[in-house]
N, C-alpha and C. Protein backbone atom coordinates (compact mmCIF):
# COMPACT_ATOMS: atom_id res chain seq x y z
N UNK A 1 111.34 96.71 96.57
CA UNK A 1 110.37 96.79 97.68
C UNK A 1 109.05 97.33 97.15
N UNK A 2 107.94 96.72 97.58
CA UNK A 2 106.63 97.14 97.13
C UNK A 2 106.30 98.53 97.67
N UNK A 3 105.73 99.39 96.81
CA UNK A 3 105.38 100.74 97.24
C UNK A 3 104.26 100.69 98.26
N UNK A 4 104.31 101.59 99.21
CA UNK A 4 103.26 101.66 100.23
C UNK A 4 101.96 102.14 99.60
N UNK A 5 100.85 101.54 100.02
CA UNK A 5 99.54 101.99 99.57
C UNK A 5 99.18 103.25 100.34
N UNK A 6 98.66 104.24 99.63
CA UNK A 6 98.31 105.52 100.24
C UNK A 6 96.79 105.68 100.22
N UNK A 7 96.22 105.72 101.42
CA UNK A 7 94.77 105.77 101.59
C UNK A 7 94.37 107.13 102.13
N UNK A 8 93.53 107.83 101.38
CA UNK A 8 92.99 109.10 101.86
C UNK A 8 91.74 108.84 102.68
N UNK A 9 91.70 109.36 103.89
CA UNK A 9 90.56 109.16 104.79
C UNK A 9 89.92 110.51 105.07
N UNK A 10 88.61 110.61 104.83
CA UNK A 10 87.94 111.88 105.07
C UNK A 10 86.51 111.65 105.52
N UNK A 11 85.87 112.73 105.92
CA UNK A 11 84.49 112.68 106.40
C UNK A 11 84.17 114.01 107.03
N UNK A 12 82.91 114.35 107.08
CA UNK A 12 82.51 115.61 107.70
C UNK A 12 82.75 115.60 109.19
N UNK A 13 82.74 116.78 109.79
CA UNK A 13 82.92 116.90 111.23
C UNK A 13 81.86 116.05 111.94
N UNK A 14 82.29 115.32 112.97
CA UNK A 14 81.36 114.49 113.72
C UNK A 14 81.02 113.16 113.09
N UNK A 15 81.69 112.82 111.98
CA UNK A 15 81.37 111.56 111.30
C UNK A 15 81.99 110.35 111.97
N UNK A 16 83.04 110.56 112.76
CA UNK A 16 83.77 109.45 113.37
C UNK A 16 85.06 109.13 112.64
N UNK A 17 85.48 110.03 111.78
CA UNK A 17 86.69 109.83 110.97
C UNK A 17 87.93 109.60 111.84
N UNK A 18 88.07 110.37 112.89
CA UNK A 18 89.26 110.22 113.73
C UNK A 18 89.29 108.87 114.43
N UNK A 19 88.12 108.37 114.82
CA UNK A 19 88.06 107.04 115.43
C UNK A 19 88.46 105.97 114.42
N UNK A 20 87.99 106.11 113.19
CA UNK A 20 88.36 105.16 112.14
C UNK A 20 89.87 105.20 111.91
N UNK A 21 90.45 106.39 111.92
CA UNK A 21 91.89 106.52 111.74
C UNK A 21 92.64 105.77 112.84
N UNK A 22 92.19 105.92 114.08
CA UNK A 22 92.83 105.23 115.20
C UNK A 22 92.73 103.71 115.02
N UNK A 23 91.58 103.24 114.58
CA UNK A 23 91.38 101.80 114.38
C UNK A 23 92.27 101.27 113.26
N UNK A 24 92.43 102.04 112.19
CA UNK A 24 93.34 101.63 111.12
C UNK A 24 94.78 101.61 111.62
N UNK A 25 95.12 102.56 112.48
CA UNK A 25 96.45 102.58 113.07
C UNK A 25 96.71 101.34 113.90
N UNK A 26 95.68 100.86 114.61
CA UNK A 26 95.82 99.65 115.42
C UNK A 26 96.04 98.41 114.55
N UNK A 27 95.65 98.51 113.27
CA UNK A 27 95.86 97.40 112.34
C UNK A 27 97.22 97.49 111.63
N UNK A 28 97.99 98.50 111.96
CA UNK A 28 99.33 98.58 111.41
C UNK A 28 99.57 99.68 110.40
N UNK A 29 98.53 100.47 110.10
CA UNK A 29 98.73 101.58 109.17
C UNK A 29 99.49 102.71 109.87
N UNK A 30 100.24 103.45 109.08
CA UNK A 30 100.85 104.69 109.58
C UNK A 30 99.85 105.81 109.33
N UNK A 31 99.33 106.41 110.39
CA UNK A 31 98.31 107.45 110.26
C UNK A 31 98.96 108.82 110.31
N UNK A 32 98.71 109.59 109.28
CA UNK A 32 99.25 110.94 109.18
C UNK A 32 98.07 111.90 109.29
N UNK A 33 97.99 112.61 110.40
CA UNK A 33 96.81 113.39 110.79
C UNK A 33 97.03 114.85 110.43
N UNK A 34 96.36 115.31 109.37
CA UNK A 34 96.55 116.70 108.92
C UNK A 34 96.07 117.71 109.96
N UNK A 35 95.00 117.37 110.69
CA UNK A 35 94.50 118.28 111.73
C UNK A 35 95.51 118.42 112.86
N UNK A 36 96.10 117.30 113.27
CA UNK A 36 97.09 117.35 114.35
C UNK A 36 98.30 118.17 113.91
N UNK A 37 98.70 118.02 112.67
CA UNK A 37 99.82 118.81 112.15
C UNK A 37 99.45 120.28 112.12
N UNK A 38 98.22 120.58 111.69
CA UNK A 38 97.76 121.97 111.67
C UNK A 38 97.81 122.57 113.07
N UNK A 39 97.36 121.80 114.06
CA UNK A 39 97.40 122.31 115.44
C UNK A 39 98.84 122.54 115.91
N UNK A 40 99.75 121.68 115.49
CA UNK A 40 101.13 121.82 115.94
C UNK A 40 101.80 123.07 115.36
N UNK A 41 101.50 123.38 114.10
CA UNK A 41 102.16 124.56 113.50
C UNK A 41 101.55 125.85 114.01
N UNK A 42 100.31 125.77 114.59
CA UNK A 42 99.67 126.98 115.12
C UNK A 42 99.67 127.01 116.65
N UNK A 43 100.36 126.03 117.27
CA UNK A 43 100.51 126.03 118.73
C UNK A 43 101.62 127.00 119.13
N UNK A 44 101.76 127.19 120.43
CA UNK A 44 102.82 128.07 120.92
C UNK A 44 104.18 127.63 120.41
N UNK A 45 104.91 128.52 119.79
CA UNK A 45 106.21 128.19 119.22
C UNK A 45 106.14 127.54 117.86
N UNK A 46 104.92 127.32 117.34
CA UNK A 46 104.77 126.70 116.02
C UNK A 46 105.28 127.61 114.91
N UNK A 47 105.64 127.00 113.80
CA UNK A 47 106.29 127.76 112.74
C UNK A 47 105.34 128.71 112.00
N UNK A 48 104.02 128.58 112.25
CA UNK A 48 103.07 129.50 111.59
C UNK A 48 102.77 130.74 112.43
N UNK A 49 103.20 130.76 113.67
CA UNK A 49 102.80 131.84 114.57
C UNK A 49 103.29 133.21 114.09
N UNK A 50 104.57 133.30 113.76
CA UNK A 50 105.10 134.59 113.30
C UNK A 50 104.38 135.11 112.07
N UNK A 51 104.27 134.31 111.02
CA UNK A 51 103.56 134.78 109.82
C UNK A 51 102.09 135.15 110.09
N UNK A 52 101.41 134.41 110.97
CA UNK A 52 100.02 134.72 111.26
C UNK A 52 99.90 136.04 112.01
N UNK A 53 100.78 136.26 112.98
CA UNK A 53 100.77 137.53 113.71
C UNK A 53 101.03 138.70 112.78
N UNK A 54 101.94 138.50 111.84
CA UNK A 54 102.26 139.57 110.88
C UNK A 54 101.09 139.86 109.95
N UNK A 55 100.37 138.81 109.56
CA UNK A 55 99.27 138.96 108.59
C UNK A 55 97.98 139.46 109.24
N UNK A 56 97.66 138.94 110.43
CA UNK A 56 96.36 139.22 111.05
C UNK A 56 96.44 140.15 112.25
N UNK A 57 97.63 140.31 112.82
CA UNK A 57 97.78 141.15 114.00
C UNK A 57 98.00 140.34 115.26
N UNK A 58 98.70 140.91 116.24
CA UNK A 58 99.03 140.17 117.46
C UNK A 58 97.81 139.77 118.28
N UNK A 59 96.68 140.42 118.04
CA UNK A 59 95.47 140.07 118.81
C UNK A 59 94.96 138.67 118.47
N UNK A 60 95.46 138.08 117.39
CA UNK A 60 95.06 136.72 117.04
C UNK A 60 95.99 135.67 117.65
N UNK A 61 96.93 136.11 118.47
CA UNK A 61 97.82 135.20 119.20
C UNK A 61 97.49 135.31 120.68
N UNK A 62 97.23 134.16 121.33
CA UNK A 62 96.83 134.22 122.74
C UNK A 62 98.02 134.32 123.69
N UNK A 63 97.73 134.31 124.98
CA UNK A 63 98.77 134.52 125.98
C UNK A 63 99.77 133.38 126.03
N UNK A 64 99.39 132.20 125.50
CA UNK A 64 100.31 131.06 125.45
C UNK A 64 101.17 131.06 124.20
N UNK A 65 101.00 132.08 123.36
CA UNK A 65 101.79 132.16 122.14
C UNK A 65 101.25 131.34 121.00
N UNK A 66 100.02 130.84 121.14
CA UNK A 66 99.38 130.04 120.09
C UNK A 66 98.31 130.88 119.39
N UNK A 67 97.85 130.40 118.25
CA UNK A 67 96.74 131.08 117.58
C UNK A 67 95.50 131.01 118.48
N UNK A 68 94.81 132.14 118.59
CA UNK A 68 93.54 132.18 119.30
C UNK A 68 92.51 131.53 118.37
N UNK A 69 92.28 130.24 118.57
CA UNK A 69 91.47 129.47 117.63
C UNK A 69 90.02 129.94 117.56
N UNK A 70 89.46 130.31 118.70
CA UNK A 70 88.07 130.78 118.71
C UNK A 70 87.95 132.08 117.92
N UNK A 71 88.86 132.99 118.15
CA UNK A 71 88.81 134.28 117.44
C UNK A 71 89.05 134.08 115.94
N UNK A 72 90.00 133.22 115.60
CA UNK A 72 90.30 132.98 114.19
C UNK A 72 89.13 132.26 113.52
N UNK A 73 88.49 131.34 114.24
CA UNK A 73 87.36 130.61 113.66
C UNK A 73 86.24 131.57 113.28
N UNK A 74 85.94 132.52 114.18
CA UNK A 74 84.89 133.50 113.89
C UNK A 74 85.24 134.30 112.64
N UNK A 75 86.49 134.70 112.53
CA UNK A 75 86.92 135.51 111.38
C UNK A 75 86.82 134.75 110.07
N UNK A 76 87.37 133.54 110.03
CA UNK A 76 87.45 132.84 108.74
C UNK A 76 86.09 132.32 108.27
N UNK A 77 85.16 132.06 109.21
CA UNK A 77 83.84 131.64 108.77
C UNK A 77 83.01 132.82 108.29
N UNK A 78 83.39 134.04 108.70
CA UNK A 78 82.66 135.23 108.26
C UNK A 78 83.30 135.87 107.03
N UNK A 79 84.58 135.58 106.78
CA UNK A 79 85.33 136.28 105.72
C UNK A 79 86.12 135.27 104.90
N UNK A 80 85.64 134.98 103.70
CA UNK A 80 86.30 133.99 102.84
C UNK A 80 87.71 134.40 102.48
N UNK A 81 87.95 135.69 102.34
CA UNK A 81 89.30 136.16 102.00
C UNK A 81 90.26 135.91 103.16
N UNK A 82 89.78 136.09 104.39
CA UNK A 82 90.62 135.82 105.56
C UNK A 82 90.98 134.34 105.60
N UNK A 83 90.04 133.47 105.25
CA UNK A 83 90.31 132.04 105.20
C UNK A 83 91.44 131.75 104.20
N UNK A 84 91.37 132.37 103.03
CA UNK A 84 92.39 132.14 102.00
C UNK A 84 93.76 132.64 102.47
N UNK A 85 93.78 133.78 103.16
CA UNK A 85 95.05 134.31 103.67
C UNK A 85 95.65 133.37 104.72
N UNK A 86 94.79 132.82 105.58
CA UNK A 86 95.27 131.88 106.59
C UNK A 86 95.79 130.61 105.93
N UNK A 87 95.03 130.09 104.98
CA UNK A 87 95.43 128.85 104.30
C UNK A 87 96.75 129.03 103.55
N UNK A 88 96.97 130.22 102.98
CA UNK A 88 98.21 130.48 102.25
C UNK A 88 99.43 130.40 103.17
N UNK A 89 99.23 130.66 104.45
CA UNK A 89 100.32 130.55 105.42
C UNK A 89 100.46 129.11 105.91
N UNK A 90 99.34 128.52 106.30
CA UNK A 90 99.38 127.25 107.03
C UNK A 90 99.55 126.04 106.11
N UNK A 91 98.87 126.03 104.97
CA UNK A 91 98.87 124.83 104.13
C UNK A 91 100.26 124.39 103.64
N UNK A 92 101.12 125.31 103.19
CA UNK A 92 102.46 124.86 102.79
C UNK A 92 103.24 124.23 103.94
N UNK A 93 103.08 124.76 105.14
CA UNK A 93 103.79 124.22 106.31
C UNK A 93 103.25 122.83 106.65
N UNK A 94 101.94 122.66 106.56
CA UNK A 94 101.34 121.35 106.80
C UNK A 94 101.84 120.35 105.75
N UNK A 95 101.88 120.79 104.49
CA UNK A 95 102.34 119.91 103.41
C UNK A 95 103.76 119.42 103.63
N UNK A 96 104.62 120.30 104.10
CA UNK A 96 106.01 119.91 104.35
C UNK A 96 106.10 118.84 105.43
N UNK A 97 105.29 119.01 106.50
CA UNK A 97 105.34 118.03 107.59
C UNK A 97 104.70 116.71 107.18
N UNK A 98 103.66 116.76 106.36
CA UNK A 98 103.06 115.52 105.84
C UNK A 98 104.08 114.73 105.04
N UNK A 99 104.84 115.41 104.19
CA UNK A 99 105.86 114.73 103.40
C UNK A 99 106.93 114.13 104.29
N UNK A 100 107.33 114.86 105.32
CA UNK A 100 108.36 114.36 106.24
C UNK A 100 107.87 113.09 106.94
N UNK A 101 106.62 113.12 107.43
CA UNK A 101 106.08 111.95 108.12
C UNK A 101 105.88 110.78 107.16
N UNK A 102 105.48 111.07 105.92
CA UNK A 102 105.30 110.01 104.93
C UNK A 102 106.62 109.29 104.66
N UNK A 103 107.67 110.05 104.44
CA UNK A 103 108.96 109.46 104.16
C UNK A 103 109.45 108.63 105.34
N UNK A 104 109.20 109.12 106.57
CA UNK A 104 109.62 108.37 107.76
C UNK A 104 108.84 107.07 107.88
N UNK A 105 107.54 107.09 107.54
CA UNK A 105 106.71 105.89 107.63
C UNK A 105 107.16 104.84 106.63
N UNK A 106 107.49 105.27 105.42
CA UNK A 106 107.97 104.34 104.40
C UNK A 106 109.31 103.72 104.82
N UNK A 107 110.19 104.55 105.35
CA UNK A 107 111.49 104.04 105.83
C UNK A 107 111.30 103.03 106.95
N UNK A 108 110.25 103.23 107.76
CA UNK A 108 109.98 102.32 108.88
C UNK A 108 109.33 101.02 108.43
N UNK A 109 108.98 100.93 107.14
CA UNK A 109 108.46 99.69 106.61
C UNK A 109 106.94 99.56 106.58
N UNK A 110 106.22 100.65 106.80
CA UNK A 110 104.76 100.58 106.75
C UNK A 110 104.29 100.33 105.32
N UNK A 111 103.36 99.41 105.15
CA UNK A 111 102.85 99.09 103.81
C UNK A 111 101.62 99.90 103.45
N UNK A 112 101.02 100.59 104.44
CA UNK A 112 99.83 101.41 104.19
C UNK A 112 99.95 102.72 104.96
N UNK A 113 99.83 103.82 104.25
CA UNK A 113 99.83 105.15 104.86
C UNK A 113 98.41 105.69 104.78
N UNK A 114 97.86 106.09 105.91
CA UNK A 114 96.51 106.65 105.97
C UNK A 114 96.62 108.15 106.20
N UNK A 115 96.10 108.91 105.26
CA UNK A 115 96.12 110.37 105.37
C UNK A 115 94.75 110.83 105.86
N UNK A 116 94.71 111.22 107.13
CA UNK A 116 93.48 111.69 107.77
C UNK A 116 93.35 113.18 107.46
N UNK A 117 92.51 113.49 106.46
CA UNK A 117 92.44 114.87 105.94
C UNK A 117 90.97 115.31 105.88
N UNK A 118 90.54 116.20 106.78
CA UNK A 118 89.13 116.63 106.77
C UNK A 118 88.69 117.23 105.43
N UNK A 119 89.55 118.01 104.79
CA UNK A 119 89.17 118.69 103.55
C UNK A 119 89.78 118.03 102.32
N UNK A 120 89.92 116.72 102.37
CA UNK A 120 90.55 116.01 101.26
C UNK A 120 89.79 116.20 99.95
N UNK A 121 88.48 116.10 99.99
CA UNK A 121 87.69 116.22 98.76
C UNK A 121 87.72 117.65 98.22
N UNK A 122 87.78 118.64 99.14
CA UNK A 122 87.80 120.03 98.70
C UNK A 122 89.12 120.42 98.05
N UNK A 123 90.17 119.69 98.38
CA UNK A 123 91.50 120.01 97.87
C UNK A 123 91.65 119.61 96.41
N UNK A 124 92.38 120.41 95.65
CA UNK A 124 92.58 120.12 94.23
C UNK A 124 93.70 119.12 93.99
N UNK A 125 94.56 118.88 94.97
CA UNK A 125 95.73 118.04 94.72
C UNK A 125 95.72 116.69 95.42
N UNK A 126 94.83 116.46 96.41
CA UNK A 126 94.91 115.23 97.18
C UNK A 126 94.53 114.01 96.38
N UNK A 127 93.60 114.12 95.44
CA UNK A 127 93.18 112.95 94.66
C UNK A 127 94.37 112.31 93.96
N UNK A 128 95.33 113.13 93.52
CA UNK A 128 96.50 112.61 92.82
C UNK A 128 97.54 112.03 93.78
N UNK A 129 97.39 112.32 95.07
CA UNK A 129 98.39 111.88 96.04
C UNK A 129 98.06 110.54 96.69
N UNK A 130 96.80 110.08 96.53
CA UNK A 130 96.39 108.84 97.20
C UNK A 130 95.90 107.81 96.18
N UNK A 131 95.96 106.55 96.59
CA UNK A 131 95.51 105.45 95.73
C UNK A 131 94.02 105.21 95.85
N UNK A 132 93.49 105.40 97.06
CA UNK A 132 92.06 105.18 97.32
C UNK A 132 91.58 106.25 98.29
N UNK A 133 90.27 106.54 98.24
CA UNK A 133 89.64 107.45 99.20
C UNK A 133 88.58 106.69 99.97
N UNK A 134 88.71 106.70 101.30
CA UNK A 134 87.73 106.09 102.19
C UNK A 134 86.98 107.23 102.90
N UNK A 135 85.66 107.26 102.74
CA UNK A 135 84.83 108.29 103.36
C UNK A 135 84.06 107.69 104.53
N UNK A 136 84.10 108.37 105.66
CA UNK A 136 83.27 108.01 106.81
C UNK A 136 82.05 108.95 106.77
N UNK A 137 80.87 108.37 106.75
CA UNK A 137 79.67 109.15 106.47
C UNK A 137 78.60 108.93 107.53
N UNK A 138 77.82 109.98 107.77
CA UNK A 138 76.62 109.89 108.59
C UNK A 138 75.72 111.06 108.25
N UNK A 139 74.45 111.02 108.61
CA UNK A 139 73.54 112.12 108.29
C UNK A 139 73.93 113.42 109.00
N UNK A 140 73.60 114.58 108.43
CA UNK A 140 73.94 115.86 109.05
C UNK A 140 73.39 116.01 110.47
N UNK A 141 72.18 115.51 110.70
CA UNK A 141 71.62 115.62 112.05
C UNK A 141 72.47 114.91 113.09
N UNK A 142 73.05 113.78 112.71
CA UNK A 142 73.93 113.04 113.61
C UNK A 142 75.22 113.83 113.84
N UNK A 143 75.77 114.40 112.77
CA UNK A 143 76.96 115.23 112.91
C UNK A 143 76.73 116.35 113.92
N UNK A 144 75.62 117.05 113.75
CA UNK A 144 75.34 118.20 114.61
C UNK A 144 75.22 117.78 116.06
N UNK A 145 74.47 116.71 116.31
CA UNK A 145 74.28 116.25 117.69
C UNK A 145 75.61 115.84 118.32
N UNK A 146 76.44 115.12 117.58
CA UNK A 146 77.72 114.66 118.12
C UNK A 146 78.64 115.82 118.46
N UNK A 147 78.73 116.79 117.55
CA UNK A 147 79.67 117.89 117.77
C UNK A 147 79.18 118.82 118.87
N UNK A 148 77.88 119.04 118.94
CA UNK A 148 77.35 119.86 120.05
C UNK A 148 77.67 119.20 121.39
N UNK A 149 77.52 117.88 121.49
CA UNK A 149 77.79 117.17 122.74
C UNK A 149 79.28 117.13 123.05
N UNK A 150 80.10 116.95 121.99
CA UNK A 150 81.54 116.78 122.18
C UNK A 150 82.26 118.09 122.43
N UNK A 151 81.91 119.13 121.70
CA UNK A 151 82.66 120.38 121.74
C UNK A 151 81.94 121.52 122.46
N UNK A 152 80.67 121.31 122.79
CA UNK A 152 79.94 122.37 123.47
C UNK A 152 79.60 123.55 122.57
N UNK A 153 79.61 123.33 121.25
CA UNK A 153 79.28 124.40 120.31
C UNK A 153 77.77 124.50 120.14
N UNK A 154 77.32 125.66 119.71
CA UNK A 154 75.89 125.84 119.43
C UNK A 154 75.54 125.16 118.10
N UNK A 155 74.26 124.90 117.90
CA UNK A 155 73.82 124.33 116.62
C UNK A 155 74.22 125.22 115.46
N UNK A 156 74.07 126.52 115.62
CA UNK A 156 74.42 127.45 114.55
C UNK A 156 75.89 127.35 114.20
N UNK A 157 76.75 127.25 115.21
CA UNK A 157 78.20 127.17 114.97
C UNK A 157 78.54 125.89 114.22
N UNK A 158 77.92 124.77 114.60
CA UNK A 158 78.20 123.49 113.94
C UNK A 158 77.70 123.53 112.49
N UNK A 159 76.52 124.10 112.30
CA UNK A 159 75.97 124.19 110.94
C UNK A 159 76.88 125.02 110.03
N UNK A 160 77.49 126.06 110.57
CA UNK A 160 78.41 126.87 109.77
C UNK A 160 79.66 126.07 109.39
N UNK A 161 80.15 125.25 110.31
CA UNK A 161 81.31 124.41 110.01
C UNK A 161 80.95 123.42 108.91
N UNK A 162 79.79 122.77 109.05
CA UNK A 162 79.36 121.81 108.03
C UNK A 162 79.20 122.50 106.68
N UNK A 163 78.65 123.71 106.68
CA UNK A 163 78.45 124.45 105.42
C UNK A 163 79.77 124.82 104.76
N UNK A 164 80.84 124.93 105.55
CA UNK A 164 82.15 125.29 104.99
C UNK A 164 82.87 124.09 104.39
N UNK A 165 82.36 122.88 104.66
CA UNK A 165 82.98 121.66 104.15
C UNK A 165 82.26 121.21 102.88
N UNK A 166 82.84 120.23 102.21
CA UNK A 166 82.23 119.71 100.99
C UNK A 166 80.84 119.16 101.29
N UNK A 167 79.95 119.27 100.32
CA UNK A 167 78.64 118.67 100.45
C UNK A 167 78.79 117.16 100.65
N UNK A 168 77.90 116.61 101.44
CA UNK A 168 77.93 115.17 101.69
C UNK A 168 77.92 114.39 100.37
N UNK A 169 77.09 114.81 99.42
CA UNK A 169 76.99 114.11 98.14
C UNK A 169 78.30 114.16 97.37
N UNK A 170 79.03 115.27 97.49
CA UNK A 170 80.31 115.42 96.79
C UNK A 170 81.33 114.45 97.38
N UNK A 171 81.37 114.34 98.71
CA UNK A 171 82.28 113.39 99.35
C UNK A 171 81.98 111.97 98.90
N UNK A 172 80.70 111.62 98.89
CA UNK A 172 80.32 110.26 98.53
C UNK A 172 80.66 109.94 97.08
N UNK A 173 80.52 110.91 96.20
CA UNK A 173 80.89 110.68 94.79
C UNK A 173 82.38 110.47 94.64
N UNK A 174 83.16 111.08 95.50
CA UNK A 174 84.62 110.96 95.41
C UNK A 174 85.15 109.68 96.04
N UNK A 175 84.29 108.97 96.79
CA UNK A 175 84.73 107.82 97.58
C UNK A 175 84.96 106.58 96.73
N UNK A 176 86.03 105.86 97.05
CA UNK A 176 86.23 104.50 96.55
C UNK A 176 85.60 103.49 97.49
N UNK A 177 85.45 103.87 98.75
CA UNK A 177 84.81 103.02 99.75
C UNK A 177 84.18 103.93 100.81
N UNK A 178 83.10 103.46 101.43
CA UNK A 178 82.37 104.27 102.42
C UNK A 178 82.08 103.42 103.66
N UNK A 179 82.31 104.00 104.83
CA UNK A 179 81.84 103.43 106.08
C UNK A 179 80.71 104.32 106.57
N UNK A 180 79.48 103.77 106.63
CA UNK A 180 78.32 104.53 107.10
C UNK A 180 78.24 104.38 108.61
N UNK A 181 78.58 105.44 109.32
CA UNK A 181 78.72 105.40 110.77
C UNK A 181 77.58 106.19 111.42
N UNK A 182 76.41 105.57 111.39
CA UNK A 182 75.24 106.25 111.95
C UNK A 182 74.89 105.66 113.31
N UNK A 183 74.35 104.46 113.33
CA UNK A 183 73.90 103.84 114.57
C UNK A 183 74.90 102.81 115.11
N UNK A 184 76.12 102.83 114.62
CA UNK A 184 77.10 101.82 115.04
C UNK A 184 77.66 102.14 116.42
N UNK A 185 77.81 101.10 117.27
CA UNK A 185 78.58 101.29 118.49
C UNK A 185 80.06 101.05 118.14
N UNK A 186 80.94 101.23 119.12
CA UNK A 186 82.37 101.17 118.83
C UNK A 186 82.79 99.79 118.34
N UNK A 187 82.22 98.73 118.92
CA UNK A 187 82.58 97.38 118.49
C UNK A 187 82.15 97.12 117.05
N UNK A 188 80.96 97.59 116.70
CA UNK A 188 80.48 97.41 115.33
C UNK A 188 81.33 98.20 114.34
N UNK A 189 81.69 99.42 114.74
CA UNK A 189 82.55 100.23 113.87
C UNK A 189 83.91 99.57 113.70
N UNK A 190 84.46 99.03 114.78
CA UNK A 190 85.77 98.37 114.71
C UNK A 190 85.71 97.17 113.77
N UNK A 191 84.60 96.44 113.80
CA UNK A 191 84.45 95.28 112.91
C UNK A 191 84.46 95.73 111.45
N UNK A 192 83.74 96.80 111.15
CA UNK A 192 83.71 97.30 109.77
C UNK A 192 85.11 97.76 109.34
N UNK A 193 85.81 98.45 110.24
CA UNK A 193 87.14 98.94 109.89
C UNK A 193 88.10 97.79 109.64
N UNK A 194 87.98 96.70 110.41
CA UNK A 194 88.82 95.52 110.17
C UNK A 194 88.58 94.96 108.77
N UNK A 195 87.31 94.94 108.36
CA UNK A 195 86.99 94.45 107.03
C UNK A 195 87.65 95.31 105.96
N UNK A 196 87.57 96.61 106.12
CA UNK A 196 88.20 97.51 105.15
C UNK A 196 89.72 97.39 105.22
N UNK A 197 90.23 97.27 106.44
CA UNK A 197 91.67 97.16 106.60
C UNK A 197 92.25 95.98 105.87
N UNK A 198 91.55 94.86 105.90
CA UNK A 198 92.02 93.67 105.19
C UNK A 198 92.08 93.93 103.68
N UNK A 199 91.15 94.72 103.16
CA UNK A 199 91.18 95.06 101.74
C UNK A 199 92.44 95.83 101.38
N UNK A 200 92.96 96.58 102.37
CA UNK A 200 94.14 97.39 102.12
C UNK A 200 95.42 96.75 102.65
N UNK A 201 95.35 95.45 102.89
CA UNK A 201 96.55 94.71 103.28
C UNK A 201 96.94 94.83 104.73
N UNK A 202 96.00 95.29 105.59
CA UNK A 202 96.32 95.41 107.00
C UNK A 202 95.86 94.16 107.74
N UNK A 203 96.49 93.90 108.87
CA UNK A 203 96.13 92.74 109.67
C UNK A 203 95.29 93.18 110.85
N UNK A 204 94.40 92.30 111.29
CA UNK A 204 93.57 92.61 112.46
C UNK A 204 94.39 92.48 113.72
N UNK A 205 94.18 93.41 114.69
CA UNK A 205 94.92 93.31 115.95
C UNK A 205 94.46 92.12 116.77
C-alpha cells in the first residue's frame, strides 16, 4: 500500500490557515488540527489540567475545570520561562494524540494527512515529520485587522501574538508551497486550494 503523503500546513494568526485546512478536508485529506487537540487537553477534564494546576496553581483553572486561557495567555506572553513550563506539559500530550489520529487516518485509507500546526516552522522536529510544507501568508496589517475583528482583541494584544510566532520571512523560506491570502474572497481561496490539492493527490469536491 502506498504511504500517505504528510503535508504540514502553517501560517501566522489571521492568515486563513484554518479555512485552508477545512477546504483541504473537503477534498478528502485527513486534517489533524494541533490547536484543536491543544484545546481538548486543556479543556475541563482534559489530561493536562492536573499537571497545569500543580505547576502554576489552581488560580489558572477556571470554574469549568478548564485552563483559564486569558490568564495563561497574559502570563506566557510576559514570561518566556512560563511558556516553556507550559509547553513541557502540553506538547507531549498533543504529540501523543497527533500520533493516534495519524494512525487512525492511515487505517481509514486516507492518502493525504494535513497537519494544521500554527508553530510548525518554530518546531525543531516537524520538518522531519512531513513531506511538504504549505504556508498560508498575508501581510501583518491584514493579520491584525482580521484578528481584531474576529476575536475582539486589542491591536497590542494581536501584535504580541504575532511577535511570539516565527517571522513571516522565516515561514516563507521554509515553505515548499505558498498560498497568498490577502485580497481573496472565499471562492477565490477555494479555487487556489483545489489547485494545490490536486498537486497532493486530492480530488475536487
